[in-house]
């Protein structure tokens, strides 16, 4: 099917395109299933795994393959958050998403967005206040972009503990840095979804709850979780399916890939150790309970084979999802 044909045949969820318009029909705004909708996970693919394609081509590919949405990483390859005319370019992407019927979550894990010499740097934990402020400004821009795209959430992470910094001080920096971002996200009605990342200060699900405590327990509608299924396999004591159920009240975004225990390497499906039918059953339960977001394939080191992996990943997830 051509991209044009896809646009005319997909009738689900045209997206909002302005941060001032947040009250269209609930199913169109959030993708929340209404009564009678199939409770299957809404599947997406991350643009950080399609960096050899132009963004417009990547979105067309995902729509043609049959994806429900996209995890859109703000970076210089696609929607550059630091280049001029961000609002104009965001509006253009919003129109394209609407034409294709694709939902979206905004991701902020671009490797060298702020500093061409430091991967993911500067972070929210850096010793220099101006460095932390640069990351905060990026997240504030991401919130505005997400609002204008009608996104389900804005993803972010803590960063690694800087050398010479005590953990208690790093946690204080993280909470202070995220406070203005949470205020902006609440005003824009776009949840912030923090991702526990192996090797970072906030690495586990317990760490996420520690952050919530430091911030005074913001409601899940304001501060939530990006749940990466591979990270659960890598680090968590619970099986990944149980992690889905345990975190259901806070999940705003899901990333999925294969992984091995103790090894933080994002792998194509079938190359790791995860038993996927129980995970996908748990995600179907999450969707049936009202989770409006996406389950996004996260293969950032496989862009060289991105189009083919997007095809085979969707086939795998559909095949392994238990019948509703």
C-alpha atoms as a PDB file:
ATOM      1  CA  UNK A   1       0.000   0.000   0.000  1.00  0.00           C
ATOM      2  CA  UNK A   2       1.340   3.464  -0.804  1.00  0.00           C
ATOM      3  CA  UNK A   3       1.722   6.165   1.791  1.00  0.00           C
ATOM      4  CA  UNK A   4      -1.060   8.149   0.179  1.00  0.00           C
ATOM      5  CA  UNK A   5      -3.329   5.147   0.313  1.00  0.00           C
ATOM      6  CA  UNK A   6      -2.426   4.641   3.923  1.00  0.00           C
ATOM      7  CA  UNK A   7      -3.403   8.183   4.759  1.00  0.00           C
ATOM      8  CA  UNK A   8      -6.860   7.801   3.260  1.00  0.00           C
ATOM      9  CA  UNK A   9      -7.540   4.383   4.757  1.00  0.00           C
ATOM     10  CA  UNK A  10      -6.366   5.075   8.332  1.00  0.00           C
ATOM     11  CA  UNK A  11      -9.177   6.790  10.200  1.00  0.00           C
ATOM     12  CA  UNK A  12      -7.838   6.532  13.749  1.00  0.00           C
ATOM     13  CA  UNK A  13      -6.833   9.497  15.863  1.00  0.00           C
ATOM     14  CA  UNK A  14      -6.074  12.615  13.901  1.00  0.00           C
ATOM     15  CA  UNK A  15      -3.720  14.424  16.280  1.00  0.00           C
ATOM     16  CA  UNK A  16      -4.087  17.802  17.905  1.00  0.00           C
ATOM     17  CA  UNK A  17      -1.725  20.390  16.441  1.00  0.00           C
ATOM     18  CA  UNK A  18      -1.828  23.206  18.983  1.00  0.00           C
ATOM     19  CA  UNK A  19      -0.961  23.359  22.661  1.00  0.00           C
ATOM     20  CA  UNK A  20      -4.005  25.569  23.162  1.00  0.00           C
ATOM     21  CA  UNK A  21      -6.411  22.884  21.957  1.00  0.00           C
ATOM     22  CA  UNK A  22      -6.474  19.939  24.344  1.00  0.00           C
ATOM     23  CA  UNK A  23     -10.106  18.881  24.413  1.00  0.00           C
ATOM     24  CA  UNK A  24     -11.083  17.014  21.248  1.00  0.00           C
ATOM     25  CA  UNK A  25     -12.848  13.677  21.461  1.00  0.00           C
ATOM     26  CA  UNK A  26     -11.000  11.633  24.167  1.00  0.00           C
ATOM     27  CA  UNK A  27     -10.192   8.720  21.881  1.00  0.00           C
ATOM     28  CA  UNK A  28      -8.810  11.037  19.218  1.00  0.00           C
ATOM     29  CA  UNK A  29      -6.729  13.003  21.742  1.00  0.00           C
ATOM     30  CA  UNK A  30      -5.253  10.144  23.727  1.00  0.00           C
ATOM     31  CA  UNK A  31      -5.804   6.935  21.791  1.00  0.00           C
ATOM     32  CA  UNK A  32      -7.596   5.571  24.873  1.00  0.00           C
ATOM     33  CA  UNK A  33      -9.654   2.550  23.786  1.00  0.00           C
ATOM     34  CA  UNK A  34     -13.386   3.005  24.065  1.00  0.00           C
ATOM     35  CA  UNK A  35     -15.788   0.179  24.862  1.00  0.00           C
ATOM     36  CA  UNK A  36     -15.594  -2.487  22.184  1.00  0.00           C
ATOM     37  CA  UNK A  37     -12.030  -1.570  21.116  1.00  0.00           C
ATOM     38  CA  UNK A  38      -9.520  -4.410  20.911  1.00  0.00           C
ATOM     39  CA  UNK A  39      -7.231  -4.384  23.928  1.00  0.00           C
ATOM     40  CA  UNK A  40      -4.022  -4.959  22.017  1.00  0.00           C
ATOM     41  CA  UNK A  41      -0.910  -2.850  22.578  1.00  0.00           C
ATOM     42  CA  UNK A  42      -0.653   0.153  20.264  1.00  0.00           C
ATOM     43  CA  UNK A  43       2.662  -0.415  18.524  1.00  0.00           C
ATOM     44  CA  UNK A  44       5.209   2.154  17.432  1.00  0.00           C
ATOM     45  CA  UNK A  45       8.802   2.321  16.258  1.00  0.00           C
ATOM     46  CA  UNK A  46      11.488   4.734  17.454  1.00  0.00           C
ATOM     47  CA  UNK A  47      12.950   7.190  14.988  1.00  0.00           C
ATOM     48  CA  UNK A  48      16.330   6.737  16.701  1.00  0.00           C
ATOM     49  CA  UNK A  49      16.368   3.399  14.857  1.00  0.00           C
ATOM     50  CA  UNK A  50      15.618   5.058  11.510  1.00  0.00           C
ATOM     51  CA  UNK A  51      18.261   7.775  11.404  1.00  0.00           C
ATOM     52  CA  UNK A  52      19.295   6.930   7.827  1.00  0.00           C
ATOM     53  CA  UNK A  53      15.833   7.997   6.644  1.00  0.00           C
ATOM     54  CA  UNK A  54      14.433  11.502   6.405  1.00  0.00           C
ATOM     55  CA  UNK A  55      11.729  12.006   9.011  1.00  0.00           C
ATOM     56  CA  UNK A  56       8.922  12.296   6.460  1.00  0.00           C
ATOM     57  CA  UNK A  57      10.065   9.049   4.842  1.00  0.00           C
ATOM     58  CA  UNK A  58      10.339   7.307   8.203  1.00  0.00           C
ATOM     59  CA  UNK A  59       6.808   8.295   9.177  1.00  0.00           C
ATOM     60  CA  UNK A  60       5.454   7.149   5.813  1.00  0.00           C
ATOM     61  CA  UNK A  61       7.247   3.821   6.162  1.00  0.00           C
ATOM     62  CA  UNK A  62       5.784   3.177   9.622  1.00  0.00           C
ATOM     63  CA  UNK A  63       2.282   4.054   8.477  1.00  0.00           C
ATOM     64  CA  UNK A  64       2.569   1.809   5.432  1.00  0.00           C
ATOM     65  CA  UNK A  65       3.788  -1.087   7.575  1.00  0.00           C
ATOM     66  CA  UNK A  66       0.796  -0.726   9.882  1.00  0.00           C
ATOM     67  CA  UNK A  67       2.255   0.845  13.016  1.00  0.00           C
ATOM     68  CA  UNK A  68      -0.031   2.834  15.290  1.00  0.00           C
ATOM     69  CA  UNK A  69       2.511   5.484  16.170  1.00  0.00           C
ATOM     70  CA  UNK A  70       6.087   6.627  16.554  1.00  0.00           C
ATOM     71  CA  UNK A  71       8.576   7.391  19.289  1.00  0.00           C
ATOM     72  CA  UNK A  72       9.993  10.656  17.935  1.00  0.00           C
ATOM     73  CA  UNK A  73      13.507  11.440  19.181  1.00  0.00           C
ATOM     74  CA  UNK A  74      14.349  15.133  18.993  1.00  0.00           C
ATOM     75  CA  UNK A  75      17.733  15.233  17.266  1.00  0.00           C
ATOM     76  CA  UNK A  76      19.629  16.861  14.416  1.00  0.00           C
ATOM     77  CA  UNK A  77      18.685  14.041  12.012  1.00  0.00           C
ATOM     78  CA  UNK A  78      14.955  14.589  12.310  1.00  0.00           C
ATOM     79  CA  UNK A  79      13.150  17.253  14.349  1.00  0.00           C
ATOM     80  CA  UNK A  80      16.096  19.330  15.601  1.00  0.00           C
ATOM     81  CA  UNK A  81      15.070  21.087  18.835  1.00  0.00           C
ATOM     82  CA  UNK A  82      17.888  23.662  18.552  1.00  0.00           C
ATOM     83  CA  UNK A  83      17.498  24.715  14.911  1.00  0.00           C
ATOM     84  CA  UNK A  84      15.513  27.833  13.886  1.00  0.00           C
ATOM     85  CA  UNK A  85      11.751  27.836  13.286  1.00  0.00           C
ATOM     86  CA  UNK A  86      11.030  24.944  15.643  1.00  0.00           C
ATOM     87  CA  UNK A  87       7.338  25.836  15.925  1.00  0.00           C
ATOM     88  CA  UNK A  88       6.926  25.929  12.138  1.00  0.00           C
ATOM     89  CA  UNK A  89       8.719  22.611  11.675  1.00  0.00           C
ATOM     90  CA  UNK A  90       6.725  21.055  14.521  1.00  0.00           C
ATOM     91  CA  UNK A  91       3.449  22.144  12.933  1.00  0.00           C
ATOM     92  CA  UNK A  92       4.544  20.497   9.679  1.00  0.00           C
ATOM     93  CA  UNK A  93       5.279  17.227  11.501  1.00  0.00           C
ATOM     94  CA  UNK A  94       1.941  17.454  13.320  1.00  0.00           C
ATOM     95  CA  UNK A  95       0.117  17.698  10.003  1.00  0.00           C
ATOM     96  CA  UNK A  96       2.027  14.707   8.662  1.00  0.00           C
ATOM     97  CA  UNK A  97       1.220  12.614  11.729  1.00  0.00           C
ATOM     98  CA  UNK A  98      -2.433  13.547  11.380  1.00  0.00           C
ATOM     99  CA  UNK A  99      -2.498  12.622   7.693  1.00  0.00           C
ATOM    100  CA  UNK A 100      -1.007   9.215   8.494  1.00  0.00           C
ATOM    101  CA  UNK A 101      -3.058   8.569  11.630  1.00  0.00           C
ATOM    102  CA  UNK A 102       0.046   8.045  13.760  1.00  0.00           C
ATOM    103  CA  UNK A 103       0.179   8.665  17.491  1.00  0.00           C
ATOM    104  CA  UNK A 104       3.410  10.020  18.959  1.00  0.00           C
ATOM    105  CA  UNK A 105       5.518  10.166  22.087  1.00  0.00           C
ATOM    106  CA  UNK A 106       8.383  12.667  22.208  1.00  0.00           C
ATOM    107  CA  UNK A 107      11.708  11.153  23.251  1.00  0.00           C
ATOM    108  CA  UNK A 108      14.775  13.118  24.364  1.00  0.00           C
ATOM    109  CA  UNK A 109      17.528  10.502  24.190  1.00  0.00           C
ATOM    110  CA  UNK A 110      19.454  11.913  21.239  1.00  0.00           C
ATOM    111  CA  UNK A 111      23.115  11.154  21.908  1.00  0.00           C
ATOM    112  CA  UNK A 112      24.868  14.403  20.950  1.00  0.00           C
ATOM    113  CA  UNK A 113      22.069  16.950  20.772  1.00  0.00           C
ATOM    114  CA  UNK A 114      23.611  19.413  23.226  1.00  0.00           C
ATOM    115  CA  UNK A 115      27.322  18.654  23.001  1.00  0.00           C
ATOM    116  CA  UNK A 116      29.096  17.072  20.000  1.00  0.00           C
ATOM    117  CA  UNK A 117      31.755  15.622  22.307  1.00  0.00           C
ATOM    118  CA  UNK A 118      29.680  14.226  25.180  1.00  0.00           C
ATOM    119  CA  UNK A 119      27.168  11.450  24.676  1.00  0.00           C
ATOM    120  CA  UNK A 120      23.922  12.456  26.451  1.00  0.00           C
ATOM    121  CA  UNK A 121      25.731  15.446  27.908  1.00  0.00           C
ATOM    122  CA  UNK A 122      25.258  17.706  29.636  1.00  0.00           C
ATOM    123  CA  UNK A 123      22.810  15.980  31.948  1.00  0.00           C
ATOM    124  CA  UNK A 124      20.483  17.012  34.745  1.00  0.00           C
ATOM    125  CA  UNK A 125      23.214  15.953  37.196  1.00  0.00           C
ATOM    126  CA  UNK A 126      26.193  17.952  35.956  1.00  0.00           C
ATOM    127  CA  UNK A 127      28.146  19.910  38.580  1.00  0.00           C
ATOM    128  CA  UNK A 128      27.935  23.180  36.629  1.00  0.00           C
ATOM    129  CA  UNK A 129      24.533  24.902  37.006  1.00  0.00           C
ATOM    130  CA  UNK A 130      24.643  26.241  33.431  1.00  0.00           C
ATOM    131  CA  UNK A 131      25.208  22.739  32.075  1.00  0.00           C
ATOM    132  CA  UNK A 132      22.191  21.446  33.975  1.00  0.00           C
ATOM    133  CA  UNK A 133      20.220  24.447  32.733  1.00  0.00           C
ATOM    134  CA  UNK A 134      21.005  23.523  29.117  1.00  0.00           C
ATOM    135  CA  UNK A 135      19.398  20.109  29.618  1.00  0.00           C
ATOM    136  CA  UNK A 136      16.424  21.715  31.366  1.00  0.00           C
ATOM    137  CA  UNK A 137      15.936  24.083  28.423  1.00  0.00           C
ATOM    138  CA  UNK A 138      15.969  21.125  26.053  1.00  0.00           C
ATOM    139  CA  UNK A 139      13.292  19.369  28.101  1.00  0.00           C
ATOM    140  CA  UNK A 140      11.173  22.517  28.222  1.00  0.00           C
ATOM    141  CA  UNK A 141      11.363  22.696  24.436  1.00  0.00           C
ATOM    142  CA  UNK A 142      10.406  19.031  24.279  1.00  0.00           C
ATOM    143  CA  UNK A 143       7.310  19.736  26.372  1.00  0.00           C
ATOM    144  CA  UNK A 144       6.243  22.492  23.965  1.00  0.00           C
ATOM    145  CA  UNK A 145       6.861  20.242  20.963  1.00  0.00           C
ATOM    146  CA  UNK A 146       4.906  17.414  22.585  1.00  0.00           C
ATOM    147  CA  UNK A 147       1.960  19.698  23.309  1.00  0.00           C
ATOM    148  CA  UNK A 148       1.909  20.953  19.719  1.00  0.00           C
ATOM    149  CA  UNK A 149       2.093  17.397  18.372  1.00  0.00           C
ATOM    150  CA  UNK A 150      -0.647  16.089  20.667  1.00  0.00           C
ATOM    151  CA  UNK A 151       1.875  13.610  22.093  1.00  0.00           C
ATOM    152  CA  UNK A 152       1.059  11.069  24.774  1.00  0.00           C
ATOM    153  CA  UNK A 153       4.077  12.017  26.911  1.00  0.00           C
ATOM    154  CA  UNK A 154       7.605  13.436  27.008  1.00  0.00           C
ATOM    155  CA  UNK A 155      10.337  10.910  27.782  1.00  0.00           C
ATOM    156  CA  UNK A 156      13.515  11.774  29.681  1.00  0.00           C
ATOM    157  CA  UNK A 157      16.186  10.206  31.910  1.00  0.00           C
ATOM    158  CA  UNK A 158      18.503  11.252  34.722  1.00  0.00           C
ATOM    159  CA  UNK A 159      21.972  10.821  33.271  1.00  0.00           C
ATOM    160  CA  UNK A 160      24.916   9.016  34.808  1.00  0.00           C
ATOM    161  CA  UNK A 161      26.432   9.976  38.144  1.00  0.00           C
ATOM    162  CA  UNK A 162      29.250  12.457  37.404  1.00  0.00           C
ATOM    163  CA  UNK A 163      32.697  11.636  38.732  1.00  0.00           C
ATOM    164  CA  UNK A 164      33.346  13.179  42.126  1.00  0.00           C
ATOM    165  CA  UNK A 165      29.633  13.685  42.876  1.00  0.00           C
ATOM    166  CA  UNK A 166      28.035  11.947  45.842  1.00  0.00           C
ATOM    167  CA  UNK A 167      24.719  10.191  45.135  1.00  0.00           C
ATOM    168  CA  UNK A 168      22.784  12.311  47.650  1.00  0.00           C
ATOM    169  CA  UNK A 169      23.926  15.493  45.923  1.00  0.00           C
ATOM    170  CA  UNK A 170      23.052  14.038  42.506  1.00  0.00           C
ATOM    171  CA  UNK A 171      19.526  13.200  43.653  1.00  0.00           C
ATOM    172  CA  UNK A 172      19.082  16.779  44.882  1.00  0.00           C
ATOM    173  CA  UNK A 173      20.248  18.118  41.520  1.00  0.00           C
ATOM    174  CA  UNK A 174      17.883  15.794  39.683  1.00  0.00           C
ATOM    175  CA  UNK A 175      14.858  16.821  41.726  1.00  0.00           C
ATOM    176  CA  UNK A 176      15.677  20.521  41.430  1.00  0.00           C
ATOM    177  CA  UNK A 177      16.320  20.281  37.684  1.00  0.00           C
ATOM    178  CA  UNK A 178      13.074  18.456  36.992  1.00  0.00           C
ATOM    179  CA  UNK A 179      10.875  20.816  39.027  1.00  0.00           C
ATOM    180  CA  UNK A 180      10.453  23.486  36.299  1.00  0.00           C
ATOM    181  CA  UNK A 181      10.000  20.771  33.682  1.00  0.00           C
ATOM    182  CA  UNK A 182       7.198  19.193  35.709  1.00  0.00           C
ATOM    183  CA  UNK A 183       5.552  22.592  36.113  1.00  0.00           C
ATOM    184  CA  UNK A 184       5.658  23.130  32.355  1.00  0.00           C
ATOM    185  CA  UNK A 185       4.407  19.610  31.654  1.00  0.00           C
ATOM    186  CA  UNK A 186       1.494  20.042  34.046  1.00  0.00           C
ATOM    187  CA  UNK A 187       0.559  23.379  32.459  1.00  0.00           C
ATOM    188  CA  UNK A 188       0.718  21.822  28.975  1.00  0.00           C
ATOM    189  CA  UNK A 189      -1.146  18.692  30.111  1.00  0.00           C
ATOM    190  CA  UNK A 190       1.610  16.467  28.750  1.00  0.00           C
ATOM    191  CA  UNK A 191       2.921  13.900  31.271  1.00  0.00           C
ATOM    192  CA  UNK A 192       6.635  13.573  31.901  1.00  0.00           C
ATOM    193  CA  UNK A 193       7.744   9.934  31.585  1.00  0.00           C
ATOM    194  CA  UNK A 194      11.103   9.260  33.276  1.00  0.00           C
ATOM    195  CA  UNK A 195      13.020   6.212  32.079  1.00  0.00           C
ATOM    196  CA  UNK A 196      15.128   4.076  34.420  1.00  0.00           C
ATOM    197  CA  UNK A 197      18.313   3.581  32.422  1.00  0.00           C
ATOM    198  CA  UNK A 198      21.061   1.045  33.255  1.00  0.00           C
ATOM    199  CA  UNK A 199      24.216   2.876  34.261  1.00  0.00           C
ATOM    200  CA  UNK A 200      22.363   6.068  35.195  1.00  0.00           C
ATOM    201  CA  UNK A 201      21.632   7.482  38.648  1.00  0.00           C
ATOM    202  CA  UNK A 202      17.977   6.580  38.137  1.00  0.00           C
ATOM    203  CA  UNK A 203      18.497   3.027  36.913  1.00  0.00           C
ATOM    204  CA  UNK A 204      15.687   0.926  38.409  1.00  0.00           C
ATOM    205  CA  UNK A 205      11.993   1.057  39.182  1.00  0.00           C
ATOM    206  CA  UNK A 206      12.812   1.554  42.866  1.00  0.00           C
ATOM    207  CA  UNK A 207      14.881   4.590  41.851  1.00  0.00           C
ATOM    208  CA  UNK A 208      11.856   6.035  40.058  1.00  0.00           C
ATOM    209  CA  UNK A 209       9.863   5.848  43.270  1.00  0.00           C
ATOM    210  CA  UNK A 210      12.743   7.474  45.147  1.00  0.00           C
ATOM    211  CA  UNK A 211      12.503  10.402  42.732  1.00  0.00           C
ATOM    212  CA  UNK A 212       8.756  10.622  43.258  1.00  0.00           C
ATOM    213  CA  UNK A 213       9.338  10.849  46.991  1.00  0.00           C
ATOM    214  CA  UNK A 214      11.929  13.602  46.629  1.00  0.00           C
ATOM    215  CA  UNK A 215       9.495  15.584  44.486  1.00  0.00           C
ATOM    216  CA  UNK A 216       6.667  15.249  47.002  1.00  0.00           C
ATOM    217  CA  UNK A 217       4.716  12.529  45.206  1.00  0.00           C
ATOM    218  CA  UNK A 218       3.445  14.260  42.039  1.00  0.00           C
ATOM    219  CA  UNK A 219       0.321  12.602  40.651  1.00  0.00           C
ATOM    220  CA  UNK A 220       0.846  10.023  37.900  1.00  0.00           C
ATOM    221  CA  UNK A 221      -0.829  12.362  35.419  1.00  0.00           C
ATOM    222  CA  UNK A 222       2.133  14.730  35.859  1.00  0.00           C
ATOM    223  CA  UNK A 223       5.123  12.484  36.603  1.00  0.00           C
ATOM    224  CA  UNK A 224       5.102   8.978  35.226  1.00  0.00           C
ATOM    225  CA  UNK A 225       7.319   6.278  33.867  1.00  0.00           C
ATOM    226  CA  UNK A 226       8.867   5.164  30.624  1.00  0.00           C
ATOM    227  CA  UNK A 227       9.008   1.388  31.057  1.00  0.00           C
ATOM    228  CA  UNK A 228      11.664  -0.268  28.915  1.00  0.00           C
ATOM    229  CA  UNK A 229      10.970  -4.010  28.722  1.00  0.00           C
ATOM    230  CA  UNK A 230      14.592  -4.848  27.914  1.00  0.00           C
ATOM    231  CA  UNK A 231      15.810  -2.884  30.913  1.00  0.00           C
ATOM    232  CA  UNK A 232      13.484  -4.943  33.099  1.00  0.00           C
ATOM    233  CA  UNK A 233      15.121  -8.111  31.763  1.00  0.00           C
ATOM    234  CA  UNK A 234      18.556  -6.581  32.302  1.00  0.00           C
ATOM    235  CA  UNK A 235      18.219  -5.283  35.873  1.00  0.00           C
ATOM    236  CA  UNK A 236      14.923  -5.835  37.663  1.00  0.00           C
ATOM    237  CA  UNK A 237      14.303  -8.696  40.130  1.00  0.00           C
ATOM    238  CA  UNK A 238      10.808  -9.247  38.738  1.00  0.00           C
ATOM    239  CA  UNK A 239      10.148 -10.804  35.318  1.00  0.00           C
ATOM    240  CA  UNK A 240       9.302  -8.178  32.676  1.00  0.00           C
ATOM    241  CA  UNK A 241       5.595  -9.096  32.596  1.00  0.00           C
ATOM    242  CA  UNK A 242       5.370  -8.577  36.356  1.00  0.00           C
ATOM    243  CA  UNK A 243       7.160  -5.242  35.982  1.00  0.00           C
ATOM    244  CA  UNK A 244       4.392  -4.118  33.609  1.00  0.00           C
ATOM    245  CA  UNK A 245       1.704  -4.988  36.150  1.00  0.00           C
ATOM    246  CA  UNK A 246       3.597  -3.521  39.111  1.00  0.00           C
ATOM    247  CA  UNK A 247       4.096  -0.150  37.406  1.00  0.00           C
ATOM    248  CA  UNK A 248       0.721   0.160  35.660  1.00  0.00           C
ATOM    249  CA  UNK A 249      -0.444   3.268  37.590  1.00  0.00           C
ATOM    250  CA  UNK A 250       2.592   5.272  36.449  1.00  0.00           C
ATOM    251  CA  UNK A 251       3.295   4.045  32.909  1.00  0.00           C
ATOM    252  CA  UNK A 252       3.028   6.737  30.223  1.00  0.00           C
ATOM    253  CA  UNK A 253       5.350   5.227  27.618  1.00  0.00           C
ATOM    254  CA  UNK A 254       6.658   1.730  26.864  1.00  0.00           C
ATOM    255  CA  UNK A 255       9.792   0.778  24.940  1.00  0.00           C
ATOM    256  CA  UNK A 256      10.352  -2.790  23.830  1.00  0.00           C
ATOM    257  CA  UNK A 257      13.218  -4.853  22.428  1.00  0.00           C
ATOM    258  CA  UNK A 258      15.009  -8.070  23.303  1.00  0.00           C
ATOM    259  CA  UNK A 259      17.820  -8.155  25.889  1.00  0.00           C
ATOM    260  CA  UNK A 260      19.876 -10.499  28.042  1.00  0.00           C
ATOM    261  CA  UNK A 261      20.156 -10.546  31.810  1.00  0.00           C
ATOM    262  CA  UNK A 262      22.879  -8.217  33.043  1.00  0.00           C
ATOM    263  CA  UNK A 263      23.834  -6.920  29.582  1.00  0.00           C
ATOM    264  CA  UNK A 264      22.526  -3.526  28.475  1.00  0.00           C
ATOM    265  CA  UNK A 265      22.369  -4.166  24.737  1.00  0.00           C
ATOM    266  CA  UNK A 266      19.196  -3.524  22.730  1.00  0.00           C
ATOM    267  CA  UNK A 267      18.651  -6.560  20.505  1.00  0.00           C
ATOM    268  CA  UNK A 268      16.214  -7.459  17.721  1.00  0.00           C
ATOM    269  CA  UNK A 269      13.431  -9.788  18.806  1.00  0.00           C
ATOM    270  CA  UNK A 270      14.618 -13.379  19.150  1.00  0.00           C
ATOM    271  CA  UNK A 271      18.262 -12.456  19.779  1.00  0.00           C
ATOM    272  CA  UNK A 272      17.881 -12.140  23.574  1.00  0.00           C
ATOM    273  CA  UNK A 273      16.281 -13.977  26.468  1.00  0.00           C
ATOM    274  CA  UNK A 274      12.853 -12.372  26.940  1.00  0.00           C
ATOM    275  CA  UNK A 275       9.741 -14.549  26.892  1.00  0.00           C
ATOM    276  CA  UNK A 276       7.462 -12.194  24.975  1.00  0.00           C
ATOM    277  CA  UNK A 277       3.942 -13.715  25.088  1.00  0.00           C
ATOM    278  CA  UNK A 278       3.561 -13.025  28.851  1.00  0.00           C
ATOM    279  CA  UNK A 279       4.918  -9.500  28.369  1.00  0.00           C
ATOM    280  CA  UNK A 280       2.539  -8.755  25.517  1.00  0.00           C
ATOM    281  CA  UNK A 281      -0.364 -10.218  27.487  1.00  0.00           C
ATOM    282  CA  UNK A 282       0.483  -7.857  30.352  1.00  0.00           C
ATOM    283  CA  UNK A 283       0.665  -4.932  27.915  1.00  0.00           C
ATOM    284  CA  UNK A 284      -2.741  -5.921  26.524  1.00  0.00           C
ATOM    285  CA  UNK A 285      -4.097  -5.817  30.087  1.00  0.00           C
ATOM    286  CA  UNK A 286      -2.545  -2.380  30.507  1.00  0.00           C
ATOM    287  CA  UNK A 287      -4.215  -1.152  27.327  1.00  0.00           C
ATOM    288  CA  UNK A 288      -7.574  -2.623  28.332  1.00  0.00           C
ATOM    289  CA  UNK A 289      -7.298  -0.801  31.661  1.00  0.00           C
ATOM    290  CA  UNK A 290      -6.974   2.527  29.846  1.00  0.00           C
ATOM    291  CA  UNK A 291      -3.303   3.052  28.990  1.00  0.00           C
ATOM    292  CA  UNK A 292      -3.451   5.452  26.028  1.00  0.00           C
ATOM    293  CA  UNK A 293       0.190   5.401  24.995  1.00  0.00           C
ATOM    294  CA  UNK A 294       2.422   3.435  22.688  1.00  0.00           C
ATOM    295  CA  UNK A 295       4.684   0.402  22.906  1.00  0.00           C
ATOM    296  CA  UNK A 296       7.651   1.519  20.833  1.00  0.00           C
ATOM    297  CA  UNK A 297      10.344  -0.742  19.378  1.00  0.00           C
ATOM    298  CA  UNK A 298      13.679   0.657  20.587  1.00  0.00           C
ATOM    299  CA  UNK A 299      16.648  -0.347  18.404  1.00  0.00           C
ATOM    300  CA  UNK A 300      18.855   2.766  18.293  1.00  0.00           C
ATOM    301  CA  UNK A 301      21.992   0.956  17.100  1.00  0.00           C
ATOM    302  CA  UNK A 302      20.330  -0.746  14.139  1.00  0.00           C
ATOM    303  CA  UNK A 303      19.510   2.136  11.795  1.00  0.00           C
ATOM    304  CA  UNK A 304      21.564   0.518   9.050  1.00  0.00           C
ATOM    305  CA  UNK A 305      18.780  -2.105   8.842  1.00  0.00           C
ATOM    306  CA  UNK A 306      15.965   0.073  10.139  1.00  0.00           C
ATOM    307  CA  UNK A 307      13.298  -0.420   7.434  1.00  0.00           C
ATOM    308  CA  UNK A 308      13.646  -4.202   7.459  1.00  0.00           C
ATOM    309  CA  UNK A 309      13.751  -4.399  11.250  1.00  0.00           C
ATOM    310  CA  UNK A 310      10.662  -2.202  11.448  1.00  0.00           C
ATOM    311  CA  UNK A 311       8.880  -4.734   9.232  1.00  0.00           C
ATOM    312  CA  UNK A 312      10.072  -7.868  11.027  1.00  0.00           C
ATOM    313  CA  UNK A 313       9.567  -6.353  14.496  1.00  0.00           C
ATOM    314  CA  UNK A 314       5.929  -5.583  13.790  1.00  0.00           C
ATOM    315  CA  UNK A 315       5.389  -9.085  12.396  1.00  0.00           C
ATOM    316  CA  UNK A 316       6.991 -10.608  15.502  1.00  0.00           C
ATOM    317  CA  UNK A 317       4.952  -8.550  17.975  1.00  0.00           C
ATOM    318  CA  UNK A 318       1.689  -9.285  16.189  1.00  0.00           C
ATOM    319  CA  UNK A 319       2.501 -12.988  16.039  1.00  0.00           C
ATOM    320  CA  UNK A 320       3.471 -13.195  19.719  1.00  0.00           C
ATOM    321  CA  UNK A 321       0.561 -11.146  21.099  1.00  0.00           C
ATOM    322  CA  UNK A 322      -2.092 -13.474  22.598  1.00  0.00           C
ATOM    323  CA  UNK A 323      -5.573 -13.178  21.069  1.00  0.00           C
ATOM    324  CA  UNK A 324      -7.712 -10.486  22.730  1.00  0.00           C
END
